[in-house]
PDB file of N, CA and C in Angstrom:
ATOM      1  N   UNK A   1    -149.625-143.844 -33.838  1.00  0.00           N
ATOM      2  CA  UNK A   1    -150.361-142.923 -32.994  1.00  0.00           C
ATOM      3  C   UNK A   1    -151.688-143.575 -32.603  1.00  0.00           C
ATOM      4  N   UNK A   2    -151.948-143.627 -31.309  1.00  0.00           N
ATOM      5  CA  UNK A   2    -153.182-144.238 -30.842  1.00  0.00           C
ATOM      6  C   UNK A   2    -154.300-143.213 -30.847  1.00  0.00           C
ATOM      7  N   UNK A   3    -155.498-143.677 -31.148  1.00  0.00           N
ATOM      8  CA  UNK A   3    -156.623-142.730 -31.145  1.00  0.00           C
ATOM      9  C   UNK A   3    -156.934-142.278 -29.718  1.00  0.00           C
ATOM     10  N   UNK A   4    -157.440-141.088 -29.612  1.00  0.00           N
ATOM     11  CA  UNK A   4    -157.802-140.538 -28.302  1.00  0.00           C
ATOM     12  C   UNK A   4    -158.972-141.330 -27.726  1.00  0.00           C
ATOM     13  N   UNK A   5    -158.873-141.628 -26.460  1.00  0.00           N
ATOM     14  CA  UNK A   5    -159.962-142.348 -25.805  1.00  0.00           C
ATOM     15  C   UNK A   5    -161.117-141.402 -25.539  1.00  0.00           C
ATOM     16  N   UNK A   6    -162.298-141.913 -25.821  1.00  0.00           N
ATOM     17  CA  UNK A   6    -163.472-141.104 -25.526  1.00  0.00           C
ATOM     18  C   UNK A   6    -163.782-141.188 -24.042  1.00  0.00           C
ATOM     19  N   UNK A   7    -164.136-140.079 -23.501  1.00  0.00           N
ATOM     20  CA  UNK A   7    -164.507-140.058 -22.094  1.00  0.00           C
ATOM     21  C   UNK A   7    -165.951-140.522 -21.971  1.00  0.00           C
ATOM     22  N   UNK A   8    -166.166-141.471 -21.073  1.00  0.00           N
ATOM     23  CA  UNK A   8    -167.521-141.968 -20.859  1.00  0.00           C
ATOM     24  C   UNK A   8    -168.337-140.929 -20.105  1.00  0.00           C
ATOM     25  N   UNK A   9    -169.607-140.833 -20.422  1.00  0.00           N
ATOM     26  CA  UNK A   9    -170.439-139.880 -19.688  1.00  0.00           C
ATOM     27  C   UNK A   9    -170.600-140.323 -18.244  1.00  0.00           C
ATOM     28  N   UNK A  10    -170.614-139.362 -17.363  1.00  0.00           N
ATOM     29  CA  UNK A  10    -170.773-139.634 -15.942  1.00  0.00           C
ATOM     30  C   UNK A  10    -172.234-139.974 -15.664  1.00  0.00           C
ATOM     31  N   UNK A  11    -172.433-141.041 -14.932  1.00  0.00           N
ATOM     32  CA  UNK A  11    -173.776-141.432 -14.530  1.00  0.00           C
ATOM     33  C   UNK A  11    -173.823-141.390 -13.016  1.00  0.00           C
ATOM     34  N   UNK A  12    -174.727-140.613 -12.508  1.00  0.00           N
ATOM     35  CA  UNK A  12    -174.848-140.495 -11.058  1.00  0.00           C
ATOM     36  C   UNK A  12    -175.442-141.771 -10.490  1.00  0.00           C
ATOM     37  N   UNK A  13    -174.767-142.336  -9.517  1.00  0.00           N
ATOM     38  CA  UNK A  13    -175.280-143.546  -8.880  1.00  0.00           C
ATOM     39  C   UNK A  13    -176.409-143.163  -7.934  1.00  0.00           C
ATOM     40  N   UNK A  14    -177.494-143.868  -8.064  1.00  0.00           N
ATOM     41  CA  UNK A  14    -178.658-143.582  -7.230  1.00  0.00           C
ATOM     42  C   UNK A  14    -178.923-144.797  -6.361  1.00  0.00           C
ATOM     43  N   UNK A  15    -178.304-144.847  -5.201  1.00  0.00           N
ATOM     44  CA  UNK A  15    -178.444-145.997  -4.312  1.00  0.00           C
ATOM     45  C   UNK A  15    -179.825-146.063  -3.679  1.00  0.00           C
ATOM     46  N   UNK A  16    -180.527-144.947  -3.664  1.00  0.00           N
ATOM     47  CA  UNK A  16    -181.826-144.920  -3.003  1.00  0.00           C
ATOM     48  C   UNK A  16    -182.946-145.434  -3.891  1.00  0.00           C
ATOM     49  N   UNK A  17    -182.696-145.589  -5.178  1.00  0.00           N
ATOM     50  CA  UNK A  17    -183.753-146.038  -6.081  1.00  0.00           C
ATOM     51  C   UNK A  17    -183.761-147.562  -6.148  1.00  0.00           C
ATOM     52  N   UNK A  18    -184.884-148.183  -5.806  1.00  0.00           N
ATOM     53  CA  UNK A  18    -184.945-149.643  -5.863  1.00  0.00           C
ATOM     54  C   UNK A  18    -185.042-150.139  -7.306  1.00  0.00           C
ATOM     55  N   UNK A  19    -184.609-151.364  -7.515  1.00  0.00           N
ATOM     56  CA  UNK A  19    -184.703-151.985  -8.830  1.00  0.00           C
ATOM     57  C   UNK A  19    -186.163-152.341  -9.107  1.00  0.00           C
ATOM     58  N   UNK A  20    -186.527-152.424 -10.388  1.00  0.00           N
ATOM     59  CA  UNK A  20    -187.916-152.781 -10.717  1.00  0.00           C
ATOM     60  C   UNK A  20    -188.336-154.138 -10.141  1.00  0.00           C
ATOM     61  N   UNK A  21    -187.415-155.105 -10.098  1.00  0.00           N
ATOM     62  CA  UNK A  21    -187.750-156.404  -9.509  1.00  0.00           C
ATOM     63  C   UNK A  21    -188.051-156.269  -8.027  1.00  0.00           C
ATOM     64  N   UNK A  22    -187.299-155.408  -7.338  1.00  0.00           N
ATOM     65  CA  UNK A  22    -187.528-155.206  -5.909  1.00  0.00           C
ATOM     66  C   UNK A  22    -188.877-154.529  -5.669  1.00  0.00           C
ATOM     67  N   UNK A  23    -189.242-153.598  -6.535  1.00  0.00           N
ATOM     68  CA  UNK A  23    -190.541-152.935  -6.404  1.00  0.00           C
ATOM     69  C   UNK A  23    -191.678-153.927  -6.621  1.00  0.00           C
ATOM     70  N   UNK A  24    -191.528-154.793  -7.616  1.00  0.00           N
ATOM     71  CA  UNK A  24    -192.546-155.811  -7.872  1.00  0.00           C
ATOM     72  C   UNK A  24    -192.655-156.768  -6.684  1.00  0.00           C
ATOM     73  N   UNK A  25    -191.509-157.142  -6.122  1.00  0.00           N
ATOM     74  CA  UNK A  25    -191.512-158.020  -4.952  1.00  0.00           C
ATOM     75  C   UNK A  25    -192.207-157.346  -3.774  1.00  0.00           C
ATOM     76  N   UNK A  26    -191.931-156.086  -3.551  1.00  0.00           N
ATOM     77  CA  UNK A  26    -192.563-155.366  -2.443  1.00  0.00           C
ATOM     78  C   UNK A  26    -194.078-155.347  -2.604  1.00  0.00           C
ATOM     79  N   UNK A  27    -194.559-155.144  -3.829  1.00  0.00           N
ATOM     80  CA  UNK A  27    -196.009-155.165  -4.077  1.00  0.00           C
ATOM     81  C   UNK A  27    -196.596-156.550  -3.798  1.00  0.00           C
ATOM     82  N   UNK A  28    -195.900-157.597  -4.258  1.00  0.00           N
ATOM     83  CA  UNK A  28    -196.390-158.959  -4.042  1.00  0.00           C
ATOM     84  C   UNK A  28    -196.425-159.316  -2.558  1.00  0.00           C
ATOM     85  N   UNK A  29    -195.359-158.961  -1.847  1.00  0.00           N
ATOM     86  CA  UNK A  29    -195.325-159.264  -0.418  1.00  0.00           C
ATOM     87  C   UNK A  29    -196.366-158.455   0.350  1.00  0.00           C
ATOM     88  N   UNK A  30    -196.613-157.219  -0.074  1.00  0.00           N
ATOM     89  CA  UNK A  30    -197.627-156.401   0.590  1.00  0.00           C
ATOM     90  C   UNK A  30    -199.016-156.999   0.401  1.00  0.00           C
ATOM     91  N   UNK A  31    -199.260-157.639  -0.736  1.00  0.00           N
ATOM     92  CA  UNK A  31    -200.545-158.311  -0.950  1.00  0.00           C
ATOM     93  C   UNK A  31    -200.637-159.592  -0.125  1.00  0.00           C
ATOM     94  N   UNK A  32    -199.531-160.333  -0.066  1.00  0.00           N
ATOM     95  CA  UNK A  32    -199.516-161.594   0.662  1.00  0.00           C
ATOM     96  C   UNK A  32    -199.552-161.365   2.174  1.00  0.00           C
ATOM     97  N   UNK A  33    -198.871-160.325   2.642  1.00  0.00           N
ATOM     98  CA  UNK A  33    -198.777-160.004   4.064  1.00  0.00           C
ATOM     99  C   UNK A  33    -199.257-158.570   4.267  1.00  0.00           C
ATOM    100  N   UNK A  34    -200.566-158.337   4.317  1.00  0.00           N
ATOM    101  CA  UNK A  34    -201.102-156.969   4.259  1.00  0.00           C
ATOM    102  C   UNK A  34    -200.676-156.024   5.373  1.00  0.00           C
ATOM    103  N   UNK A  35    -200.422-156.489   6.575  1.00  0.00           N
ATOM    104  CA  UNK A  35    -200.092-155.580   7.675  1.00  0.00           C
ATOM    105  C   UNK A  35    -198.592-155.461   7.916  1.00  0.00           C
ATOM    106  N   UNK A  36    -197.790-156.073   7.075  1.00  0.00           N
ATOM    107  CA  UNK A  36    -196.348-156.096   7.259  1.00  0.00           C
ATOM    108  C   UNK A  36    -195.702-154.910   6.548  1.00  0.00           C
ATOM    109  N   UNK A  37    -194.776-154.242   7.234  1.00  0.00           N
ATOM    110  CA  UNK A  37    -194.032-153.132   6.649  1.00  0.00           C
ATOM    111  C   UNK A  37    -192.600-153.544   6.293  1.00  0.00           C
ATOM    112  N   UNK A  38    -192.005-154.431   7.111  1.00  0.00           N
ATOM    113  CA  UNK A  38    -190.623-154.881   6.889  1.00  0.00           C
ATOM    114  C   UNK A  38    -190.516-156.361   7.187  1.00  0.00           C
ATOM    115  N   UNK A  39    -189.623-157.017   6.443  1.00  0.00           N
ATOM    116  CA  UNK A  39    -189.297-158.402   6.751  1.00  0.00           C
ATOM    117  C   UNK A  39    -187.789-158.499   6.926  1.00  0.00           C
ATOM    118  N   UNK A  40    -187.383-159.232   7.942  1.00  0.00           N
ATOM    119  CA  UNK A  40    -185.966-159.463   8.213  1.00  0.00           C
ATOM    120  C   UNK A  40    -185.677-160.907   7.839  1.00  0.00           C
ATOM    121  N   UNK A  41    -184.763-161.099   6.896  1.00  0.00           N
ATOM    122  CA  UNK A  41    -184.447-162.426   6.389  1.00  0.00           C
ATOM    123  C   UNK A  41    -183.065-162.819   6.868  1.00  0.00           C
ATOM    124  N   UNK A  42    -182.981-164.057   7.343  1.00  0.00           N
ATOM    125  CA  UNK A  42    -181.709-164.549   7.864  1.00  0.00           C
ATOM    126  C   UNK A  42    -181.530-166.000   7.446  1.00  0.00           C
ATOM    127  N   UNK A  43    -180.323-166.324   7.033  1.00  0.00           N
ATOM    128  CA  UNK A  43    -179.968-167.710   6.756  1.00  0.00           C
ATOM    129  C   UNK A  43    -179.344-168.284   8.015  1.00  0.00           C
ATOM    130  N   UNK A  44    -179.924-169.335   8.531  1.00  0.00           N
ATOM    131  CA  UNK A  44    -179.322-170.025   9.661  1.00  0.00           C
ATOM    132  C   UNK A  44    -178.429-171.114   9.089  1.00  0.00           C
ATOM    133  N   UNK A  45    -177.191-171.116   9.456  1.00  0.00           N
ATOM    134  CA  UNK A  45    -176.206-172.062   8.936  1.00  0.00           C
ATOM    135  C   UNK A  45    -176.062-171.938   7.419  1.00  0.00           C
ATOM    136  N   UNK A  46    -175.596-170.789   6.911  1.00  0.00           N
ATOM    137  CA  UNK A  46    -175.496-170.600   5.465  1.00  0.00           C
ATOM    138  C   UNK A  46    -174.452-171.483   4.792  1.00  0.00           C
ATOM    139  N   UNK A  47    -173.574-172.120   5.554  1.00  0.00           N
ATOM    140  CA  UNK A  47    -172.524-172.939   4.939  1.00  0.00           C
ATOM    141  C   UNK A  47    -172.936-174.402   4.765  1.00  0.00           C
ATOM    142  N   UNK A  48    -174.102-174.775   5.239  1.00  0.00           N
ATOM    143  CA  UNK A  48    -174.554-176.157   5.097  1.00  0.00           C
ATOM    144  C   UNK A  48    -175.236-176.338   3.748  1.00  0.00           C
ATOM    145  N   UNK A  49    -175.318-177.575   3.247  1.00  0.00           N
ATOM    146  CA  UNK A  49    -175.976-177.803   1.954  1.00  0.00           C
ATOM    147  C   UNK A  49    -177.452-177.397   1.951  1.00  0.00           C
ATOM    148  N   UNK A  50    -178.116-177.498   3.097  1.00  0.00           N
ATOM    149  CA  UNK A  50    -179.536-177.140   3.178  1.00  0.00           C
ATOM    150  C   UNK A  50    -179.721-176.074   4.249  1.00  0.00           C
ATOM    151  N   UNK A  51    -179.456-174.806   3.922  1.00  0.00           N
ATOM    152  CA  UNK A  51    -179.597-173.760   4.941  1.00  0.00           C
ATOM    153  C   UNK A  51    -181.060-173.555   5.332  1.00  0.00           C
ATOM    154  N   UNK A  52    -181.268-173.189   6.568  1.00  0.00           N
ATOM    155  CA  UNK A  52    -182.608-172.924   7.075  1.00  0.00           C
ATOM    156  C   UNK A  52    -182.863-171.425   7.022  1.00  0.00           C
ATOM    157  N   UNK A  53    -184.031-171.056   6.539  1.00  0.00           N
ATOM    158  CA  UNK A  53    -184.392-169.651   6.423  1.00  0.00           C
ATOM    159  C   UNK A  53    -185.206-169.222   7.630  1.00  0.00           C
ATOM    160  N   UNK A  54    -184.969-167.991   8.042  1.00  0.00           N
ATOM    161  CA  UNK A  54    -185.749-167.399   9.126  1.00  0.00           C
ATOM    162  C   UNK A  54    -186.250-166.049   8.659  1.00  0.00           C
ATOM    163  N   UNK A  55    -187.530-165.775   8.865  1.00  0.00           N
ATOM    164  CA  UNK A  55    -188.111-164.498   8.487  1.00  0.00           C
ATOM    165  C   UNK A  55    -188.857-163.932   9.683  1.00  0.00           C
ATOM    166  N   UNK A  56    -188.582-162.669   9.980  1.00  0.00           N
ATOM    167  CA  UNK A  56    -189.296-161.948  11.029  1.00  0.00           C
ATOM    168  C   UNK A  56    -190.027-160.794  10.368  1.00  0.00           C
ATOM    169  N   UNK A  57    -191.344-160.734  10.551  1.00  0.00           N
ATOM    170  CA  UNK A  57    -192.153-159.681   9.957  1.00  0.00           C
ATOM    171  C   UNK A  57    -192.547-158.670  11.026  1.00  0.00           C
ATOM    172  N   UNK A  58    -192.475-157.390  10.680  1.00  0.00           N
ATOM    173  CA  UNK A  58    -192.874-156.333  11.604  1.00  0.00           C
ATOM    174  C   UNK A  58    -193.796-155.345  10.896  1.00  0.00           C
ATOM    175  N   UNK A  59    -194.633-154.673  11.689  1.00  0.00           N
ATOM    176  CA  UNK A  59    -195.500-153.648  11.128  1.00  0.00           C
ATOM    177  C   UNK A  59    -194.772-152.309  11.112  1.00  0.00           C
ATOM    178  N   UNK A  60    -195.474-151.264  10.763  1.00  0.00           N
ATOM    179  CA  UNK A  60    -194.815-149.955  10.638  1.00  0.00           C
ATOM    180  C   UNK A  60    -194.380-149.380  11.982  1.00  0.00           C
ATOM    181  N   UNK A  61    -194.901-149.935  13.078  1.00  0.00           N
ATOM    182  CA  UNK A  61    -194.501-149.484  14.411  1.00  0.00           C
ATOM    183  C   UNK A  61    -193.386-150.337  15.005  1.00  0.00           C
ATOM    184  N   UNK A  62    -192.957-151.353  14.265  1.00  0.00           N
ATOM    185  CA  UNK A  62    -191.899-152.222  14.741  1.00  0.00           C
ATOM    186  C   UNK A  62    -192.375-153.415  15.547  1.00  0.00           C
ATOM    187  N   UNK A  63    -193.684-153.605  15.635  1.00  0.00           N
ATOM    188  CA  UNK A  63    -194.243-154.733  16.370  1.00  0.00           C
ATOM    189  C   UNK A  63    -194.208-155.985  15.494  1.00  0.00           C
ATOM    190  N   UNK A  64    -193.807-157.112  16.079  1.00  0.00           N
ATOM    191  CA  UNK A  64    -193.747-158.359  15.313  1.00  0.00           C
ATOM    192  C   UNK A  64    -195.143-158.806  14.902  1.00  0.00           C
ATOM    193  N   UNK A  65    -195.215-159.348  13.699  1.00  0.00           N
ATOM    194  CA  UNK A  65    -196.464-159.872  13.167  1.00  0.00           C
ATOM    195  C   UNK A  65    -196.261-161.344  12.875  1.00  0.00           C
ATOM    196  N   UNK A  66    -197.214-162.135  13.307  1.00  0.00           N
ATOM    197  CA  UNK A  66    -197.117-163.579  13.104  1.00  0.00           C
ATOM    198  C   UNK A  66    -197.502-163.907  11.666  1.00  0.00           C
ATOM    199  N   UNK A  67    -196.638-164.693  11.002  1.00  0.00           N
ATOM    200  CA  UNK A  67    -196.922-165.183   9.657  1.00  0.00           C
ATOM    201  C   UNK A  67    -196.779-166.704   9.672  1.00  0.00           C
ATOM    202  N   UNK A  68    -197.463-167.352   8.755  1.00  0.00           N
ATOM    203  CA  UNK A  68    -197.377-168.809   8.704  1.00  0.00           C
ATOM    204  C   UNK A  68    -196.002-169.226   8.202  1.00  0.00           C
ATOM    205  N   UNK A  69    -195.659-170.473   8.458  1.00  0.00           N
ATOM    206  CA  UNK A  69    -194.371-170.999   8.001  1.00  0.00           C
ATOM    207  C   UNK A  69    -194.267-170.953   6.480  1.00  0.00           C
ATOM    208  N   UNK A  70    -195.350-171.274   5.799  1.00  0.00           N
ATOM    209  CA  UNK A  70    -195.356-171.245   4.334  1.00  0.00           C
ATOM    210  C   UNK A  70    -195.123-169.829   3.820  1.00  0.00           C
ATOM    211  N   UNK A  71    -195.795-168.854   4.417  1.00  0.00           N
ATOM    212  CA  UNK A  71    -195.601-167.459   4.016  1.00  0.00           C
ATOM    213  C   UNK A  71    -194.171-167.018   4.291  1.00  0.00           C
ATOM    214  N   UNK A  72    -193.635-167.396   5.437  1.00  0.00           N
ATOM    215  CA  UNK A  72    -192.275-166.991   5.811  1.00  0.00           C
ATOM    216  C   UNK A  72    -191.247-167.578   4.853  1.00  0.00           C
ATOM    217  N   UNK A  73    -191.359-168.859   4.552  1.00  0.00           N
ATOM    218  CA  UNK A  73    -190.397-169.488   3.640  1.00  0.00           C
ATOM    219  C   UNK A  73    -190.497-168.912   2.234  1.00  0.00           C
ATOM    220  N   UNK A  74    -191.722-168.725   1.750  1.00  0.00           N
ATOM    221  CA  UNK A  74    -191.901-168.154   0.410  1.00  0.00           C
ATOM    222  C   UNK A  74    -191.331-166.748   0.334  1.00  0.00           C
ATOM    223  N   UNK A  75    -191.671-165.906   1.302  1.00  0.00           N
ATOM    224  CA  UNK A  75    -191.196-164.521   1.297  1.00  0.00           C
ATOM    225  C   UNK A  75    -189.672-164.467   1.410  1.00  0.00           C
ATOM    226  N   UNK A  76    -189.096-165.271   2.291  1.00  0.00           N
ATOM    227  CA  UNK A  76    -187.637-165.272   2.457  1.00  0.00           C
ATOM    228  C   UNK A  76    -186.945-165.698   1.168  1.00  0.00           C
ATOM    229  N   UNK A  77    -187.439-166.734   0.522  1.00  0.00           N
ATOM    230  CA  UNK A  77    -186.844-167.184  -0.742  1.00  0.00           C
ATOM    231  C   UNK A  77    -186.948-166.114  -1.812  1.00  0.00           C
ATOM    232  N   UNK A  78    -188.093-165.448  -1.886  1.00  0.00           N
ATOM    233  CA  UNK A  78    -188.272-164.394  -2.898  1.00  0.00           C
ATOM    234  C   UNK A  78    -187.303-163.247  -2.659  1.00  0.00           C
ATOM    235  N   UNK A  79    -187.133-162.847  -1.399  1.00  0.00           N
ATOM    236  CA  UNK A  79    -186.219-161.736  -1.095  1.00  0.00           C
ATOM    237  C   UNK A  79    -184.787-162.119  -1.464  1.00  0.00           C
ATOM    238  N   UNK A  80    -184.371-163.333  -1.116  1.00  0.00           N
ATOM    239  CA  UNK A  80    -183.013-163.773  -1.422  1.00  0.00           C
ATOM    240  C   UNK A  80    -182.800-163.868  -2.932  1.00  0.00           C
ATOM    241  N   UNK A  81    -183.778-164.370  -3.655  1.00  0.00           N
ATOM    242  CA  UNK A  81    -183.643-164.486  -5.117  1.00  0.00           C
ATOM    243  C   UNK A  81    -183.660-163.133  -5.811  1.00  0.00           C
ATOM    244  N   UNK A  82    -184.340-162.172  -5.232  1.00  0.00           N
ATOM    245  CA  UNK A  82    -184.368-160.835  -5.816  1.00  0.00           C
ATOM    246  C   UNK A  82    -183.056-160.092  -5.560  1.00  0.00           C
ATOM    247  N   UNK A  83    -182.375-160.413  -4.470  1.00  0.00           N
ATOM    248  CA  UNK A  83    -181.111-159.771  -4.098  1.00  0.00           C
ATOM    249  C   UNK A  83    -180.029-160.829  -3.895  1.00  0.00           C
ATOM    250  N   UNK A  84    -179.607-161.518  -4.958  1.00  0.00           N
ATOM    251  CA  UNK A  84    -178.653-162.624  -4.781  1.00  0.00           C
ATOM    252  C   UNK A  84    -177.263-162.190  -4.328  1.00  0.00           C
ATOM    253  N   UNK A  85    -176.863-160.974  -4.625  1.00  0.00           N
ATOM    254  CA  UNK A  85    -175.521-160.520  -4.273  1.00  0.00           C
ATOM    255  C   UNK A  85    -175.452-159.770  -2.961  1.00  0.00           C
ATOM    256  N   UNK A  86    -176.434-159.918  -2.113  1.00  0.00           N
ATOM    257  CA  UNK A  86    -176.496-159.128  -0.883  1.00  0.00           C
ATOM    258  C   UNK A  86    -175.584-159.637   0.218  1.00  0.00           C
ATOM    259  N   UNK A  87    -174.988-160.785   0.062  1.00  0.00           N
ATOM    260  CA  UNK A  87    -174.139-161.318   1.123  1.00  0.00           C
ATOM    261  C   UNK A  87    -174.977-161.790   2.283  1.00  0.00           C
ATOM    262  N   UNK A  88    -175.566-162.927   2.147  1.00  0.00           N
ATOM    263  CA  UNK A  88    -176.551-163.414   3.107  1.00  0.00           C
ATOM    264  C   UNK A  88    -175.942-164.065   4.334  1.00  0.00           C
ATOM    265  N   UNK A  89    -174.669-163.815   4.610  1.00  0.00           N
ATOM    266  CA  UNK A  89    -174.071-164.304   5.848  1.00  0.00           C
ATOM    267  C   UNK A  89    -174.631-163.522   7.039  1.00  0.00           C
ATOM    268  N   UNK A  90    -175.069-162.297   6.801  1.00  0.00           N
ATOM    269  CA  UNK A  90    -175.704-161.485   7.835  1.00  0.00           C
ATOM    270  C   UNK A  90    -177.177-161.311   7.475  1.00  0.00           C
ATOM    271  N   UNK A  91    -178.018-161.077   8.480  1.00  0.00           N
ATOM    272  CA  UNK A  91    -179.439-160.826   8.191  1.00  0.00           C
ATOM    273  C   UNK A  91    -179.623-159.497   7.472  1.00  0.00           C
ATOM    274  N   UNK A  92    -180.659-159.439   6.656  1.00  0.00           N
ATOM    275  CA  UNK A  92    -181.002-158.212   5.941  1.00  0.00           C
ATOM    276  C   UNK A  92    -182.480-157.912   6.135  1.00  0.00           C
ATOM    277  N   UNK A  93    -182.807-156.633   6.085  1.00  0.00           N
ATOM    278  CA  UNK A  93    -184.188-156.195   6.222  1.00  0.00           C
ATOM    279  C   UNK A  93    -184.663-155.627   4.897  1.00  0.00           C
ATOM    280  N   UNK A  94    -185.820-156.125   4.437  1.00  0.00           N
ATOM    281  CA  UNK A  94    -186.425-155.637   3.207  1.00  0.00           C
ATOM    282  C   UNK A  94    -187.656-154.832   3.586  1.00  0.00           C
ATOM    283  N   UNK A  95    -187.663-153.562   3.202  1.00  0.00           N
ATOM    284  CA  UNK A  95    -188.763-152.661   3.526  1.00  0.00           C
ATOM    285  C   UNK A  95    -189.791-152.731   2.401  1.00  0.00           C
ATOM    286  N   UNK A  96    -191.005-153.154   2.715  1.00  0.00           N
ATOM    287  CA  UNK A  96    -192.047-153.303   1.711  1.00  0.00           C
ATOM    288  C   UNK A  96    -192.588-151.965   1.222  1.00  0.00           C
ATOM    289  N   UNK A  97    -192.415-150.910   2.011  1.00  0.00           N
ATOM    290  CA  UNK A  97    -192.916-149.593   1.605  1.00  0.00           C
ATOM    291  C   UNK A  97    -191.988-148.928   0.602  1.00  0.00           C
ATOM    292  N   UNK A  98    -190.675-149.110   0.774  1.00  0.00           N
ATOM    293  CA  UNK A  98    -189.701-148.440  -0.103  1.00  0.00           C
ATOM    294  C   UNK A  98    -189.039-149.405  -1.080  1.00  0.00           C
ATOM    295  N   UNK A  99    -189.198-150.706  -0.889  1.00  0.00           N
ATOM    296  CA  UNK A  99    -188.590-151.757  -1.721  1.00  0.00           C
ATOM    297  C   UNK A  99    -187.070-151.719  -1.647  1.00  0.00           C
ATOM    298  N   UNK A 100    -186.524-151.288  -0.510  1.00  0.00           N
ATOM    299  CA  UNK A 100    -185.070-151.232  -0.331  1.00  0.00           C
ATOM    300  C   UNK A 100    -184.622-152.295   0.654  1.00  0.00           C
ATOM    301  N   UNK A 101    -183.450-152.836   0.381  1.00  0.00           N
ATOM    302  CA  UNK A 101    -182.838-153.835   1.245  1.00  0.00           C
ATOM    303  C   UNK A 101    -181.690-153.188   1.991  1.00  0.00           C
ATOM    304  N   UNK A 102    -181.643-153.390   3.303  1.00  0.00           N
ATOM    305  CA  UNK A 102    -180.515-152.875   4.089  1.00  0.00           C
ATOM    306  C   UNK A 102    -180.057-153.959   5.047  1.00  0.00           C
ATOM    307  N   UNK A 103    -179.012-153.710   5.758  1.00  0.00           N
ATOM    308  CA  UNK A 103    -178.476-154.702   6.678  1.00  0.00           C
ATOM    309  C   UNK A 103    -178.970-154.556   8.091  1.00  0.00           C
ATOM    310  N   UNK A 104    -179.903-153.641   8.329  1.00  0.00           N
ATOM    311  CA  UNK A 104    -180.381-153.390   9.688  1.00  0.00           C
ATOM    312  C   UNK A 104    -181.355-154.431  10.169  1.00  0.00           C
ATOM    313  N   UNK A 105    -181.792-154.255  11.382  1.00  0.00           N
ATOM    314  CA  UNK A 105    -182.738-155.198  11.974  1.00  0.00           C
ATOM    315  C   UNK A 105    -184.151-154.680  11.875  1.00  0.00           C
ATOM    316  N   UNK A 106    -185.069-155.592  11.806  1.00  0.00           N
ATOM    317  CA  UNK A 106    -186.484-155.214  11.781  1.00  0.00           C
ATOM    318  C   UNK A 106    -187.083-155.435  13.153  1.00  0.00           C
TER     319      UNK A 106
END
């Protein structure tokens, strides 16, 4: 006779809650890029050994904000490292106000 299996407690999935690492990243990026609300990260040629990163920064009104190449590369790398399983074949937008990553455009 096999023992009865215990039923695991149900845990409600909360997709809207950002991970603590994402929240920390959002704070760091907000300090580094004070007027930026969202960053759009894209891998150009993700199948090559040395993919090129592209970052587009926008303010809360959706207007593009100019960032230096060093800031763009650093921010893009941090976003990708914080969300390694995001499937970077498509661009993703990281919202600095909510610390959430989505697949939309900035």
